[in-house]
């Protein structure tokens, strides 16, 4: 999986491309950890390029949310593909994360 990074105002946007699974979850958590150590804790995760997520990927999102919440931040999710959105709804994570159609809308919600 590739992780792109841009900043909209004071919000960090991580654009994921590929599968968020056991092999990539650690890289994702490390990226969020490095941003949180710099106190950059307003995050948008653009998942438009993610066509598969497993329990490790979901766990990395929840773990990252805990990390940034402790520092007063939040994580918003944008651009979910239908099959990934179905997993979020099945696991009820759509009630924990704010879900937006695109990164700009998610960034403006802070």
N, C-alpha and C. Protein backbone atom coordinates (compact mmCIF):
# COMPACT_ATOMS: atom_id res chain seq x y z
N UNK A 1 0.83 -1.18 0.00
CA UNK A 1 0.00 0.00 0.00
C UNK A 1 0.87 1.24 0.00
N UNK A 2 0.44 2.25 -0.71
CA UNK A 2 1.13 3.53 -0.72
C UNK A 2 0.34 4.55 0.09
N UNK A 3 1.06 5.43 0.79
CA UNK A 3 0.43 6.46 1.60
C UNK A 3 0.90 7.82 1.11
N UNK A 4 -0.01 8.54 0.47
CA UNK A 4 0.28 9.91 0.06
C UNK A 4 -0.07 10.85 1.20
N UNK A 5 0.50 12.05 1.18
CA UNK A 5 0.29 12.98 2.29
C UNK A 5 0.19 14.40 1.74
N UNK A 6 -0.84 15.11 2.14
CA UNK A 6 -0.96 16.53 1.83
C UNK A 6 -1.61 17.22 3.02
N UNK A 7 -1.54 18.53 3.04
CA UNK A 7 -2.13 19.31 4.12
C UNK A 7 -3.16 20.27 3.55
N UNK A 8 -4.35 20.26 4.12
CA UNK A 8 -5.41 21.22 3.77
C UNK A 8 -5.65 22.05 5.02
N UNK A 9 -5.33 23.35 4.94
CA UNK A 9 -5.34 24.23 6.12
C UNK A 9 -4.43 23.60 7.17
N UNK A 10 -4.96 23.26 8.35
CA UNK A 10 -4.12 22.62 9.37
C UNK A 10 -4.47 21.15 9.54
N UNK A 11 -5.08 20.56 8.52
CA UNK A 11 -5.51 19.16 8.56
C UNK A 11 -4.61 18.32 7.67
N UNK A 12 -4.13 17.21 8.22
CA UNK A 12 -3.28 16.29 7.45
C UNK A 12 -4.17 15.29 6.72
N UNK A 13 -3.96 15.15 5.41
CA UNK A 13 -4.73 14.20 4.61
C UNK A 13 -3.80 13.08 4.18
N UNK A 14 -4.13 11.86 4.60
CA UNK A 14 -3.38 10.68 4.18
C UNK A 14 -4.19 9.96 3.13
N UNK A 15 -3.63 9.88 1.92
CA UNK A 15 -4.33 9.23 0.80
C UNK A 15 -3.78 7.82 0.66
N UNK A 16 -4.63 6.83 0.95
CA UNK A 16 -4.21 5.44 0.90
C UNK A 16 -4.53 4.85 -0.47
N UNK A 17 -3.60 4.05 -0.97
CA UNK A 17 -3.80 3.40 -2.26
C UNK A 17 -3.33 1.96 -2.14
N UNK A 18 -4.25 1.02 -2.29
CA UNK A 18 -3.92 -0.39 -2.18
C UNK A 18 -4.79 -1.07 -1.14
N UNK A 19 -4.27 -2.11 -0.54
CA UNK A 19 -5.00 -2.89 0.46
C UNK A 19 -4.56 -2.49 1.86
N UNK A 20 -5.53 -2.21 2.72
CA UNK A 20 -5.22 -1.95 4.13
C UNK A 20 -5.46 -3.26 4.88
N UNK A 21 -4.38 -4.04 4.99
CA UNK A 21 -4.48 -5.37 5.58
C UNK A 21 -3.31 -5.62 6.51
N UNK A 22 -3.12 -6.86 6.91
CA UNK A 22 -2.08 -7.21 7.88
C UNK A 22 -0.69 -6.76 7.44
N UNK A 23 -0.43 -6.78 6.14
CA UNK A 23 0.91 -6.42 5.66
C UNK A 23 1.14 -4.91 5.61
N UNK A 24 0.08 -4.11 5.60
CA UNK A 24 0.26 -2.66 5.49
C UNK A 24 -0.20 -1.90 6.74
N UNK A 25 -0.90 -2.56 7.65
CA UNK A 25 -1.44 -1.88 8.83
C UNK A 25 -0.34 -1.25 9.68
N UNK A 26 0.80 -1.94 9.82
CA UNK A 26 1.89 -1.41 10.63
C UNK A 26 2.44 -0.11 10.05
N UNK A 27 2.63 -0.06 8.72
CA UNK A 27 3.11 1.16 8.07
C UNK A 27 2.14 2.32 8.30
N UNK A 28 0.85 2.03 8.21
CA UNK A 28 -0.16 3.06 8.43
C UNK A 28 -0.08 3.60 9.86
N UNK A 29 -0.01 2.70 10.84
CA UNK A 29 0.07 3.13 12.24
C UNK A 29 1.34 3.93 12.50
N UNK A 30 2.45 3.54 11.87
CA UNK A 30 3.70 4.29 12.05
C UNK A 30 3.58 5.70 11.48
N UNK A 31 2.91 5.85 10.34
CA UNK A 31 2.73 7.18 9.73
C UNK A 31 1.90 8.07 10.66
N UNK A 32 0.79 7.52 11.18
CA UNK A 32 -0.05 8.29 12.10
C UNK A 32 0.72 8.61 13.38
N UNK A 33 1.51 7.65 13.87
CA UNK A 33 2.32 7.88 15.07
C UNK A 33 3.32 9.00 14.88
N UNK A 34 3.95 9.03 13.70
CA UNK A 34 4.93 10.09 13.46
C UNK A 34 4.26 11.46 13.37
N UNK A 35 3.08 11.53 12.78
CA UNK A 35 2.34 12.80 12.74
C UNK A 35 1.91 13.22 14.15
N UNK A 36 1.45 12.27 14.95
CA UNK A 36 0.98 12.62 16.29
C UNK A 36 2.13 13.08 17.18
N UNK A 37 3.33 12.54 16.97
CA UNK A 37 4.48 13.01 17.75
C UNK A 37 4.81 14.47 17.42
N UNK A 38 4.42 14.92 16.24
CA UNK A 38 4.60 16.33 15.85
C UNK A 38 3.36 17.16 16.20
N UNK A 39 2.45 16.54 16.97
CA UNK A 39 1.18 17.17 17.37
C UNK A 39 0.33 17.58 16.17
N UNK A 40 0.39 16.80 15.12
CA UNK A 40 -0.47 17.00 13.95
C UNK A 40 -1.53 15.91 14.03
N UNK A 41 -2.64 16.24 14.72
CA UNK A 41 -3.61 15.22 15.10
C UNK A 41 -5.01 15.43 14.51
N UNK A 42 -5.14 16.35 13.57
CA UNK A 42 -6.38 16.47 12.81
C UNK A 42 -6.13 15.76 11.49
N UNK A 43 -6.68 14.54 11.36
CA UNK A 43 -6.36 13.70 10.21
C UNK A 43 -7.59 13.35 9.39
N UNK A 44 -7.40 13.32 8.08
CA UNK A 44 -8.39 12.77 7.16
C UNK A 44 -7.71 11.60 6.47
N UNK A 45 -8.37 10.45 6.48
CA UNK A 45 -7.86 9.28 5.79
C UNK A 45 -8.69 9.12 4.51
N UNK A 46 -8.08 9.44 3.37
CA UNK A 46 -8.75 9.31 2.08
C UNK A 46 -8.57 7.87 1.61
N UNK A 47 -9.66 7.12 1.62
CA UNK A 47 -9.61 5.70 1.29
C UNK A 47 -10.15 5.39 -0.10
N UNK A 48 -10.17 6.39 -0.98
CA UNK A 48 -10.67 6.18 -2.33
C UNK A 48 -9.91 5.13 -3.10
N UNK A 49 -8.63 4.93 -2.78
CA UNK A 49 -7.81 3.94 -3.47
C UNK A 49 -7.75 2.60 -2.77
N UNK A 50 -8.52 2.44 -1.68
CA UNK A 50 -8.50 1.18 -0.92
C UNK A 50 -9.68 0.32 -1.37
N UNK A 51 -9.36 -0.84 -1.95
CA UNK A 51 -10.43 -1.73 -2.41
C UNK A 51 -10.59 -2.95 -1.51
N UNK A 52 -9.75 -3.05 -0.47
CA UNK A 52 -9.85 -4.18 0.46
C UNK A 52 -9.34 -3.75 1.82
N UNK A 53 -10.07 -4.15 2.87
CA UNK A 53 -9.63 -3.91 4.24
C UNK A 53 -9.97 -5.15 5.05
N UNK A 54 -9.04 -5.57 5.93
CA UNK A 54 -9.31 -6.72 6.79
C UNK A 54 -9.30 -6.27 8.25
N UNK A 55 -9.38 -7.23 9.16
CA UNK A 55 -9.46 -6.90 10.58
C UNK A 55 -8.22 -6.16 11.07
N UNK A 56 -7.05 -6.48 10.51
CA UNK A 56 -5.83 -5.76 10.89
C UNK A 56 -5.90 -4.31 10.45
N UNK A 57 -6.43 -4.07 9.26
CA UNK A 57 -6.60 -2.70 8.77
C UNK A 57 -7.58 -1.92 9.62
N UNK A 58 -8.70 -2.55 9.96
CA UNK A 58 -9.68 -1.90 10.82
C UNK A 58 -9.07 -1.61 12.20
N UNK A 59 -8.31 -2.57 12.71
CA UNK A 59 -7.65 -2.37 14.00
C UNK A 59 -6.67 -1.23 13.98
N UNK A 60 -5.95 -1.07 12.87
CA UNK A 60 -4.99 0.04 12.77
C UNK A 60 -5.71 1.39 12.75
N UNK A 61 -6.89 1.45 12.15
CA UNK A 61 -7.67 2.70 12.15
C UNK A 61 -8.15 3.03 13.56
N UNK A 62 -8.67 2.03 14.28
CA UNK A 62 -9.17 2.25 15.63
C UNK A 62 -8.02 2.63 16.57
N UNK A 63 -6.89 1.94 16.45
CA UNK A 63 -5.71 2.25 17.26
C UNK A 63 -5.22 3.67 17.00
N UNK A 64 -5.20 4.06 15.73
CA UNK A 64 -4.77 5.41 15.36
C UNK A 64 -5.73 6.46 15.92
N UNK A 65 -7.03 6.14 15.88
CA UNK A 65 -8.02 7.07 16.44
C UNK A 65 -7.78 7.27 17.93
N UNK A 66 -7.50 6.20 18.65
CA UNK A 66 -7.20 6.32 20.08
C UNK A 66 -5.98 7.20 20.31
N UNK A 67 -4.95 7.00 19.49
CA UNK A 67 -3.71 7.77 19.63
C UNK A 67 -3.98 9.27 19.48
N UNK A 68 -4.70 9.66 18.42
CA UNK A 68 -4.91 11.09 18.20
C UNK A 68 -5.95 11.66 19.15
N UNK A 69 -6.94 10.86 19.58
CA UNK A 69 -7.93 11.33 20.56
C UNK A 69 -7.27 11.72 21.87
N UNK A 70 -6.26 10.95 22.30
CA UNK A 70 -5.54 11.26 23.54
C UNK A 70 -4.89 12.63 23.47
N UNK A 71 -4.55 13.07 22.26
CA UNK A 71 -3.88 14.36 22.08
C UNK A 71 -4.85 15.46 21.66
N UNK A 72 -6.15 15.18 21.72
CA UNK A 72 -7.16 16.18 21.39
C UNK A 72 -7.48 16.24 19.91
N UNK A 73 -7.08 15.25 19.14
CA UNK A 73 -7.34 15.24 17.70
C UNK A 73 -8.47 14.31 17.33
N UNK A 74 -8.65 14.13 16.02
CA UNK A 74 -9.69 13.26 15.51
C UNK A 74 -9.29 12.74 14.14
N UNK A 75 -9.94 11.67 13.71
CA UNK A 75 -9.72 11.11 12.37
C UNK A 75 -11.07 11.06 11.66
N UNK A 76 -11.11 11.60 10.45
CA UNK A 76 -12.28 11.51 9.58
C UNK A 76 -11.90 10.62 8.40
N UNK A 77 -12.86 9.90 7.86
CA UNK A 77 -12.63 8.99 6.74
C UNK A 77 -13.34 9.57 5.51
N UNK A 78 -12.67 9.51 4.35
CA UNK A 78 -13.33 10.01 3.14
C UNK A 78 -13.20 9.01 1.99
N UNK A 79 -14.12 9.14 1.05
CA UNK A 79 -14.09 8.46 -0.25
C UNK A 79 -14.07 6.93 -0.15
N UNK A 80 -14.92 6.38 0.71
CA UNK A 80 -14.97 4.92 0.84
C UNK A 80 -15.58 4.28 -0.41
N UNK A 81 -14.93 3.24 -0.92
CA UNK A 81 -15.53 2.44 -1.99
C UNK A 81 -16.65 1.60 -1.37
N UNK A 82 -17.60 1.16 -2.20
CA UNK A 82 -18.79 0.47 -1.69
C UNK A 82 -18.47 -0.75 -0.84
N UNK A 83 -17.53 -1.60 -1.30
CA UNK A 83 -17.26 -2.82 -0.55
C UNK A 83 -16.57 -2.52 0.79
N UNK A 84 -15.76 -1.47 0.84
CA UNK A 84 -15.12 -1.07 2.10
C UNK A 84 -16.14 -0.41 3.02
N UNK A 85 -17.04 0.40 2.45
CA UNK A 85 -18.11 1.02 3.23
C UNK A 85 -18.97 -0.07 3.89
N UNK A 86 -19.24 -1.16 3.16
CA UNK A 86 -20.04 -2.26 3.70
C UNK A 86 -19.37 -2.86 4.94
N UNK A 87 -18.04 -2.98 4.92
CA UNK A 87 -17.30 -3.50 6.08
C UNK A 87 -17.42 -2.53 7.25
N UNK A 88 -17.30 -1.21 6.97
CA UNK A 88 -17.44 -0.21 8.04
C UNK A 88 -18.83 -0.32 8.68
N UNK A 89 -19.86 -0.51 7.85
CA UNK A 89 -21.22 -0.60 8.39
C UNK A 89 -21.44 -1.91 9.14
N UNK A 90 -20.90 -3.00 8.62
CA UNK A 90 -21.04 -4.30 9.27
C UNK A 90 -20.39 -4.30 10.66
N UNK A 91 -19.25 -3.63 10.78
CA UNK A 91 -18.53 -3.58 12.06
C UNK A 91 -18.93 -2.36 12.90
N UNK A 92 -19.86 -1.58 12.40
CA UNK A 92 -20.39 -0.38 13.07
C UNK A 92 -19.35 0.74 13.24
N UNK A 93 -18.26 0.68 12.49
CA UNK A 93 -17.25 1.73 12.60
C UNK A 93 -17.73 3.04 11.99
N UNK A 94 -18.77 3.00 11.17
CA UNK A 94 -19.31 4.24 10.62
C UNK A 94 -19.95 5.10 11.72
N UNK A 95 -20.16 4.51 12.90
CA UNK A 95 -20.68 5.28 14.04
C UNK A 95 -19.56 5.91 14.86
N UNK A 96 -18.34 5.44 14.66
CA UNK A 96 -17.19 5.94 15.42
C UNK A 96 -16.44 7.01 14.62
N UNK A 97 -16.29 6.77 13.32
CA UNK A 97 -15.58 7.69 12.45
C UNK A 97 -16.58 8.55 11.67
N UNK A 98 -16.24 9.83 11.49
CA UNK A 98 -17.02 10.64 10.56
C UNK A 98 -16.67 10.20 9.15
N UNK A 99 -17.69 9.91 8.32
CA UNK A 99 -17.48 9.45 6.95
C UNK A 99 -17.94 10.55 6.00
N UNK A 100 -17.07 10.91 5.05
CA UNK A 100 -17.35 12.00 4.11
C UNK A 100 -17.11 11.54 2.68
N UNK A 101 -17.75 12.23 1.74
CA UNK A 101 -17.62 11.86 0.33
C UNK A 101 -16.23 12.16 -0.23
N UNK A 102 -15.62 13.26 0.23
CA UNK A 102 -14.29 13.61 -0.28
C UNK A 102 -13.44 14.25 0.82
N UNK A 103 -12.13 14.34 0.55
CA UNK A 103 -11.17 14.84 1.54
C UNK A 103 -11.42 16.29 1.94
N UNK A 104 -11.81 17.11 0.96
CA UNK A 104 -12.04 18.52 1.25
C UNK A 104 -13.18 18.69 2.24
N UNK A 105 -14.28 18.00 2.01
CA UNK A 105 -15.43 18.08 2.93
C UNK A 105 -15.03 17.59 4.33
N UNK A 106 -14.25 16.51 4.38
CA UNK A 106 -13.81 15.98 5.67
C UNK A 106 -12.90 16.98 6.38
N UNK A 107 -11.98 17.60 5.65
CA UNK A 107 -11.06 18.57 6.24
C UNK A 107 -11.82 19.79 6.76
N UNK A 108 -12.83 20.23 6.01
CA UNK A 108 -13.60 21.41 6.41
C UNK A 108 -14.49 21.13 7.63
N UNK A 109 -14.70 19.85 7.96
CA UNK A 109 -15.57 19.52 9.09
C UNK A 109 -14.88 19.74 10.44
N UNK A 110 -13.56 19.98 10.43
CA UNK A 110 -12.84 20.22 11.68
C UNK A 110 -13.10 21.63 12.16
